[in-house]
PDB file of N, CA and C in Angstrom:
ATOM      1  N   MET A   1      67.784  -5.961 223.188  1.00  0.00           N
ATOM      2  CA  MET A   1      66.769  -6.757 223.744  1.00  0.00           C
ATOM      3  C   MET A   1      66.758  -8.054 222.813  1.00  0.00           C
ATOM      4  N   GLU A   2      66.684  -9.183 223.186  1.00  0.00           N
ATOM      5  CA  GLU A   2      66.831 -10.412 222.427  1.00  0.00           C
ATOM      6  C   GLU A   2      65.263 -10.735 222.182  1.00  0.00           C
ATOM      7  N   LYS A   3      65.070 -11.132 221.050  1.00  0.00           N
ATOM      8  CA  LYS A   3      63.637 -11.565 220.662  1.00  0.00           C
ATOM      9  C   LYS A   3      63.625 -13.180 221.018  1.00  0.00           C
ATOM     10  N   VAL A   4      62.369 -13.579 221.327  1.00  0.00           N
ATOM     11  CA  VAL A   4      62.324 -14.923 221.692  1.00  0.00           C
ATOM     12  C   VAL A   4      60.904 -15.532 220.870  1.00  0.00           C
ATOM     13  N   TYR A   5      61.027 -16.385 219.919  1.00  0.00           N
ATOM     14  CA  TYR A   5      59.801 -16.535 219.211  1.00  0.00           C
ATOM     15  C   TYR A   5      59.204 -17.884 219.502  1.00  0.00           C
ATOM     16  N   PHE A   6      57.859 -17.850 219.312  1.00  0.00           N
ATOM     17  CA  PHE A   6      56.968 -19.139 219.484  1.00  0.00           C
ATOM     18  C   PHE A   6      55.867 -19.162 218.597  1.00  0.00           C
ATOM     19  N   HIS A   7      55.169 -20.171 218.352  1.00  0.00           N
ATOM     20  CA  HIS A   7      54.319 -20.468 217.232  1.00  0.00           C
ATOM     21  C   HIS A   7      52.763 -20.430 217.879  1.00  0.00           C
ATOM     22  N   THR A   8      52.586 -20.397 219.104  1.00  0.00           N
ATOM     23  CA  THR A   8      51.172 -20.528 219.854  1.00  0.00           C
ATOM     24  C   THR A   8      50.573 -19.213 220.087  1.00  0.00           C
ATOM     25  N   GLU A   9      49.404 -19.218 220.506  1.00  0.00           N
ATOM     26  CA  GLU A   9      48.739 -17.982 221.095  1.00  0.00           C
ATOM     27  C   GLU A   9      49.473 -17.388 222.256  1.00  0.00           C
ATOM     28  N   PHE A  10      49.839 -18.201 223.044  1.00  0.00           N
ATOM     29  CA  PHE A  10      50.752 -17.673 223.957  1.00  0.00           C
ATOM     30  C   PHE A  10      51.683 -18.705 224.649  1.00  0.00           C
ATOM     31  N   VAL A  11      52.621 -18.509 225.474  1.00  0.00           N
ATOM     32  CA  VAL A  11      53.590 -19.489 225.986  1.00  0.00           C
ATOM     33  C   VAL A  11      53.699 -19.207 227.479  1.00  0.00           C
ATOM     34  N   LYS A  12      53.760 -20.073 228.276  1.00  0.00           N
ATOM     35  CA  LYS A  12      53.904 -20.074 229.618  1.00  0.00           C
ATOM     36  C   LYS A  12      55.322 -19.280 230.198  1.00  0.00           C
ATOM     37  N   LEU A  13      55.326 -18.614 231.224  1.00  0.00           N
ATOM     38  CA  LEU A  13      56.541 -18.015 231.597  1.00  0.00           C
ATOM     39  C   LEU A  13      57.888 -18.868 231.583  1.00  0.00           C
ATOM     40  N   GLN A  14      57.597 -19.983 232.179  1.00  0.00           N
ATOM     41  CA  GLN A  14      58.954 -21.032 232.356  1.00  0.00           C
ATOM     42  C   GLN A  14      59.318 -21.429 230.978  1.00  0.00           C
ATOM     43  N   GLN A  15      58.297 -21.677 230.037  1.00  0.00           N
ATOM     44  CA  GLN A  15      58.562 -22.216 228.907  1.00  0.00           C
ATOM     45  C   GLN A  15      59.525 -21.121 227.927  1.00  0.00           C
ATOM     46  N   LEU A  16      59.038 -19.765 228.208  1.00  0.00           N
ATOM     47  CA  LEU A  16      59.814 -18.691 227.565  1.00  0.00           C
ATOM     48  C   LEU A  16      61.162 -18.766 228.044  1.00  0.00           C
ATOM     49  N   MET A  17      61.424 -18.976 229.235  1.00  0.00           N
ATOM     50  CA  MET A  17      62.859 -18.991 229.854  1.00  0.00           C
ATOM     51  C   MET A  17      63.717 -20.070 229.173  1.00  0.00           C
ATOM     52  N   LYS A  18      63.040 -21.242 228.921  1.00  0.00           N
ATOM     53  CA  LYS A  18      63.541 -22.299 228.152  1.00  0.00           C
ATOM     54  C   LYS A  18      64.008 -21.877 226.688  1.00  0.00           C
ATOM     55  N   LEU A  19      62.709 -21.307 226.103  1.00  0.00           N
ATOM     56  CA  LEU A  19      63.174 -20.850 224.715  1.00  0.00           C
ATOM     57  C   LEU A  19      64.341 -19.770 224.531  1.00  0.00           C
ATOM     58  N   ALA A  20      64.390 -19.106 225.535  1.00  0.00           N
ATOM     59  CA  ALA A  20      65.470 -17.979 225.632  1.00  0.00           C
ATOM     60  C   ALA A  20      66.862 -18.441 225.857  1.00  0.00           C
ATOM     61  N   ASP A  21      66.920 -19.793 226.409  1.00  0.00           N
ATOM     62  CA  ASP A  21      67.998 -20.383 226.517  1.00  0.00           C
ATOM     63  C   ASP A  21      68.761 -19.858 228.076  1.00  0.00           C
ATOM     64  N   VAL A  22      67.773 -19.290 228.839  1.00  0.00           N
ATOM     65  CA  VAL A  22      68.256 -18.855 230.109  1.00  0.00           C
ATOM     66  C   VAL A  22      68.300 -19.877 231.191  1.00  0.00           C
ATOM     67  N   VAL A  23      67.633 -20.958 230.956  1.00  0.00           N
ATOM     68  CA  VAL A  23      67.650 -22.127 231.903  1.00  0.00           C
ATOM     69  C   VAL A  23      67.631 -23.345 231.034  1.00  0.00           C
ATOM     70  N   GLY A  24      68.270 -24.508 231.726  1.00  0.00           N
ATOM     71  CA  GLY A  24      68.251 -25.554 230.935  1.00  0.00           C
ATOM     72  C   GLY A  24      67.145 -26.548 231.325  1.00  0.00           C
ATOM     73  N   GLN A  25      66.606 -26.402 232.166  1.00  0.00           N
ATOM     74  CA  GLN A  25      65.296 -27.195 232.680  1.00  0.00           C
ATOM     75  C   GLN A  25      64.123 -26.532 233.292  1.00  0.00           C
ATOM     76  N   GLY A  26      63.096 -27.072 233.140  1.00  0.00           N
ATOM     77  CA  GLY A  26      61.870 -26.390 233.579  1.00  0.00           C
ATOM     78  C   GLY A  26      61.959 -26.309 235.151  1.00  0.00           C
ATOM     79  N   SER A  27      62.554 -27.284 235.667  1.00  0.00           N
ATOM     80  CA  SER A  27      62.615 -27.144 237.119  1.00  0.00           C
ATOM     81  C   SER A  27      63.539 -26.048 237.803  1.00  0.00           C
ATOM     82  N   ASP A  28      64.578 -25.702 236.988  1.00  0.00           N
ATOM     83  CA  ASP A  28      65.412 -24.304 237.031  1.00  0.00           C
ATOM     84  C   ASP A  28      64.561 -23.344 237.008  1.00  0.00           C
ATOM     85  N   ALA A  29      63.672 -23.088 235.987  1.00  0.00           N
ATOM     86  CA  ALA A  29      62.955 -21.936 235.539  1.00  0.00           C
ATOM     87  C   ALA A  29      61.908 -21.741 236.844  1.00  0.00           C
ATOM     88  N   LYS A  30      61.221 -22.911 237.263  1.00  0.00           N
ATOM     89  CA  LYS A  30      60.461 -22.885 238.421  1.00  0.00           C
ATOM     90  C   LYS A  30      60.967 -22.411 239.745  1.00  0.00           C
ATOM     91  N   ALA A  31      61.969 -22.791 240.035  1.00  0.00           N
ATOM     92  CA  ALA A  31      62.755 -22.038 241.192  1.00  0.00           C
ATOM     93  C   ALA A  31      62.978 -20.719 241.087  1.00  0.00           C
ATOM     94  N   LEU A  32      63.582 -20.311 240.087  1.00  0.00           N
ATOM     95  CA  LEU A  32      63.884 -18.891 239.604  1.00  0.00           C
ATOM     96  C   LEU A  32      62.796 -18.028 239.593  1.00  0.00           C
ATOM     97  N   ILE A  33      61.508 -18.437 239.154  1.00  0.00           N
ATOM     98  CA  ILE A  33      60.321 -17.614 239.121  1.00  0.00           C
ATOM     99  C   ILE A  33      59.765 -17.488 240.539  1.00  0.00           C
ATOM    100  N   GLN A  34      59.639 -18.677 241.099  1.00  0.00           N
ATOM    101  CA  GLN A  34      59.013 -18.509 242.385  1.00  0.00           C
ATOM    102  C   GLN A  34      59.813 -17.758 243.543  1.00  0.00           C
ATOM    103  N   GLU A  35      61.008 -17.622 243.361  1.00  0.00           N
ATOM    104  CA  GLU A  35      61.914 -17.200 244.081  1.00  0.00           C
ATOM    105  C   GLU A  35      61.948 -15.474 243.921  1.00  0.00           C
ATOM    106  N   GLY A  36      61.282 -15.188 242.795  1.00  0.00           N
ATOM    107  CA  GLY A  36      61.208 -13.624 242.421  1.00  0.00           C
ATOM    108  C   GLY A  36      62.253 -13.161 241.577  1.00  0.00           C
ATOM    109  N   TYR A  37      62.945 -13.802 240.839  1.00  0.00           N
ATOM    110  CA  TYR A  37      64.278 -13.305 240.142  1.00  0.00           C
ATOM    111  C   TYR A  37      63.707 -12.951 238.922  1.00  0.00           C
ATOM    112  N   VAL A  38      62.548 -13.069 238.389  1.00  0.00           N
ATOM    113  CA  VAL A  38      61.986 -12.963 236.933  1.00  0.00           C
ATOM    114  C   VAL A  38      60.948 -11.862 237.028  1.00  0.00           C
ATOM    115  N   LYS A  39      60.989 -10.812 235.906  1.00  0.00           N
ATOM    116  CA  LYS A  39      60.088  -9.726 235.809  1.00  0.00           C
ATOM    117  C   LYS A  39      59.405 -10.006 234.484  1.00  0.00           C
ATOM    118  N   LEU A  40      58.107  -9.713 234.581  1.00  0.00           N
ATOM    119  CA  LEU A  40      57.175  -9.644 233.137  1.00  0.00           C
ATOM    120  C   LEU A  40      56.569  -8.339 233.140  1.00  0.00           C
ATOM    121  N   ASN A  41      56.936  -7.833 232.210  1.00  0.00           N
ATOM    122  CA  ASN A  41      56.448  -6.415 231.988  1.00  0.00           C
ATOM    123  C   ASN A  41      56.736  -5.261 233.064  1.00  0.00           C
ATOM    124  N   GLY A  42      57.967  -5.596 233.589  1.00  0.00           N
ATOM    125  CA  GLY A  42      58.461  -4.624 234.578  1.00  0.00           C
ATOM    126  C   GLY A  42      58.201  -5.011 236.002  1.00  0.00           C
ATOM    127  N   GLU A  43      57.123  -6.088 236.171  1.00  0.00           N
ATOM    128  CA  GLU A  43      56.931  -6.484 237.479  1.00  0.00           C
ATOM    129  C   GLU A  43      57.204  -7.909 237.821  1.00  0.00           C
ATOM    130  N   VAL A  44      57.709  -8.034 239.009  1.00  0.00           N
ATOM    131  CA  VAL A  44      58.234  -9.474 239.491  1.00  0.00           C
ATOM    132  C   VAL A  44      57.049 -10.155 239.310  1.00  0.00           C
ATOM    133  N   CYS A  45      57.195 -11.332 238.764  1.00  0.00           N
ATOM    134  CA  CYS A  45      56.259 -12.648 238.614  1.00  0.00           C
ATOM    135  C   CYS A  45      56.569 -13.805 239.155  1.00  0.00           C
ATOM    136  N   THR A  46      55.854 -14.163 240.054  1.00  0.00           N
ATOM    137  CA  THR A  46      56.067 -15.536 240.787  1.00  0.00           C
ATOM    138  C   THR A  46      55.272 -16.700 240.186  1.00  0.00           C
ATOM    139  N   MET A  47      54.511 -16.343 239.355  1.00  0.00           N
ATOM    140  CA  MET A  47      53.611 -17.520 238.695  1.00  0.00           C
ATOM    141  C   MET A  47      54.234 -18.050 237.476  1.00  0.00           C
ATOM    142  N   ARG A  48      54.866 -19.485 237.599  1.00  0.00           N
ATOM    143  CA  ARG A  48      55.463 -19.797 236.639  1.00  0.00           C
ATOM    144  C   ARG A  48      54.694 -20.328 235.344  1.00  0.00           C
ATOM    145  N   GLY A  49      53.354 -20.485 235.632  1.00  0.00           N
ATOM    146  CA  GLY A  49      52.459 -20.836 234.663  1.00  0.00           C
ATOM    147  C   GLY A  49      51.722 -19.583 233.859  1.00  0.00           C
ATOM    148  N   LYS A  50      52.359 -18.400 234.378  1.00  0.00           N
ATOM    149  CA  LYS A  50      51.820 -17.154 233.611  1.00  0.00           C
ATOM    150  C   LYS A  50      51.846 -17.163 232.178  1.00  0.00           C
ATOM    151  N   LYS A  51      50.666 -16.790 231.542  1.00  0.00           N
ATOM    152  CA  LYS A  51      50.602 -16.761 230.214  1.00  0.00           C
ATOM    153  C   LYS A  51      51.380 -15.541 229.584  1.00  0.00           C
ATOM    154  N   VAL A  52      52.283 -15.816 228.574  1.00  0.00           N
ATOM    155  CA  VAL A  52      53.004 -14.563 228.038  1.00  0.00           C
ATOM    156  C   VAL A  52      52.631 -14.505 226.501  1.00  0.00           C
ATOM    157  N   TYR A  53      52.285 -13.404 226.200  1.00  0.00           N
ATOM    158  CA  TYR A  53      51.769 -13.108 224.708  1.00  0.00           C
ATOM    159  C   TYR A  53      52.730 -12.208 223.951  1.00  0.00           C
ATOM    160  N   ASP A  54      52.425 -12.116 222.672  1.00  0.00           N
ATOM    161  CA  ASP A  54      53.319 -11.395 221.745  1.00  0.00           C
ATOM    162  C   ASP A  54      53.540  -9.922 222.374  1.00  0.00           C
ATOM    163  N   GLY A  55      54.667  -9.588 222.566  1.00  0.00           N
ATOM    164  CA  GLY A  55      54.971  -8.123 222.815  1.00  0.00           C
ATOM    165  C   GLY A  55      55.200  -8.076 224.417  1.00  0.00           C
ATOM    166  N   ASP A  56      54.945  -9.092 225.122  1.00  0.00           N
ATOM    167  CA  ASP A  56      55.543  -9.073 226.409  1.00  0.00           C
ATOM    168  C   ASP A  56      56.861  -9.050 226.632  1.00  0.00           C
ATOM    169  N   ILE A  57      57.523  -8.394 227.707  1.00  0.00           N
ATOM    170  CA  ILE A  57      59.008  -8.396 228.027  1.00  0.00           C
ATOM    171  C   ILE A  57      59.175  -9.174 229.216  1.00  0.00           C
ATOM    172  N   MET A  58      60.105 -10.156 229.281  1.00  0.00           N
ATOM    173  CA  MET A  58      60.497 -10.867 230.312  1.00  0.00           C
ATOM    174  C   MET A  58      61.993 -10.301 230.763  1.00  0.00           C
ATOM    175  N   GLU A  59      62.272 -10.150 231.985  1.00  0.00           N
ATOM    176  CA  GLU A  59      63.570  -9.623 232.340  1.00  0.00           C
ATOM    177  C   GLU A  59      64.160 -10.679 233.410  1.00  0.00           C
ATOM    178  N   PHE A  60      65.345 -10.855 233.173  1.00  0.00           N
ATOM    179  CA  PHE A  60      66.213 -11.936 234.037  1.00  0.00           C
ATOM    180  C   PHE A  60      67.547 -11.551 234.105  1.00  0.00           C
ATOM    181  N   GLU A  61      68.305 -11.629 235.213  1.00  0.00           N
ATOM    182  CA  GLU A  61      69.532 -11.224 235.333  1.00  0.00           C
ATOM    183  C   GLU A  61      70.108  -9.910 234.420  1.00  0.00           C
ATOM    184  N   GLY A  62      69.430  -8.799 234.514  1.00  0.00           N
ATOM    185  CA  GLY A  62      69.557  -7.662 233.773  1.00  0.00           C
ATOM    186  C   GLY A  62      69.479  -7.840 232.208  1.00  0.00           C
ATOM    187  N   GLU A  63      68.877  -8.908 231.873  1.00  0.00           N
ATOM    188  CA  GLU A  63      68.742  -8.954 230.407  1.00  0.00           C
ATOM    189  C   GLU A  63      67.258  -8.785 230.088  1.00  0.00           C
ATOM    190  N   SER A  64      66.874  -8.409 228.846  1.00  0.00           N
ATOM    191  CA  SER A  64      65.315  -8.176 228.565  1.00  0.00           C
ATOM    192  C   SER A  64      65.282  -9.217 227.415  1.00  0.00           C
ATOM    193  N   TYR A  65      63.990  -9.802 227.220  1.00  0.00           N
ATOM    194  CA  TYR A  65      63.667 -10.846 226.270  1.00  0.00           C
ATOM    195  C   TYR A  65      62.210 -10.332 225.662  1.00  0.00           C
ATOM    196  N   LEU A  66      62.150 -10.191 224.609  1.00  0.00           N
ATOM    197  CA  LEU A  66      60.861  -9.833 223.918  1.00  0.00           C
ATOM    198  C   LEU A  66      60.103 -11.003 223.426  1.00  0.00           C
ATOM    199  N   ALA A  67      58.861 -11.310 223.780  1.00  0.00           N
ATOM    200  CA  ALA A  67      58.154 -12.332 223.343  1.00  0.00           C
ATOM    201  C   ALA A  67      57.621 -11.962 222.015  1.00  0.00           C
ATOM    202  N   CYS A  68      57.771 -12.858 221.011  1.00  0.00           N
ATOM    203  CA  CYS A  68      57.285 -12.612 219.650  1.00  0.00           C
ATOM    204  C   CYS A  68      56.607 -13.897 218.961  1.00  0.00           C
ATOM    205  N   ARG A  69      55.272 -13.852 218.819  1.00  0.00           N
ATOM    206  CA  ARG A  69      54.720 -14.872 218.210  1.00  0.00           C
ATOM    207  C   ARG A  69      54.825 -14.814 216.535  1.00  0.00           C
ATOM    208  N   ARG A  70      55.394 -15.821 216.207  1.00  0.00           N
ATOM    209  CA  ARG A  70      55.704 -15.995 214.642  1.00  0.00           C
ATOM    210  C   ARG A  70      54.357 -16.987 213.959  1.00  0.00           C
ATOM    211  N   ASP A  71      53.807 -16.254 213.315  1.00  0.00           N
ATOM    212  CA  ASP A  71      52.790 -17.239 212.561  1.00  0.00           C
ATOM    213  C   ASP A  71      53.274 -18.354 211.847  1.00  0.00           C
ATOM    214  N   GLU A  72      52.678 -19.539 211.831  1.00  0.00           N
ATOM    215  CA  GLU A  72      53.246 -20.611 210.886  1.00  0.00           C
ATOM    216  C   GLU A  72      53.138 -20.271 209.385  1.00  0.00           C
ATOM    217  N   GLU A  73      54.168 -20.679 208.727  1.00  0.00           N
ATOM    218  CA  GLU A  73      54.277 -20.186 207.261  1.00  0.00           C
ATOM    219  C   GLU A  73      53.834 -21.637 206.402  1.00  0.00           C
TER     220      GLU A  73
END
């Protein structure tokens, strides 16, 4: 499982996909999410603006990505 880091309280699902380098553009993430290709915590999620928090798991194309909040140092 790959860890994907962010510095805010939460990140939107489409932003997490970009941070994980599974898509190049937000429009690509939007389409994939709305078509049901992305899971969040084991459930298909079709809301691109869904808030993702530390510890949530995104799944896409058989790969899993752990959302990890990293506090500013």
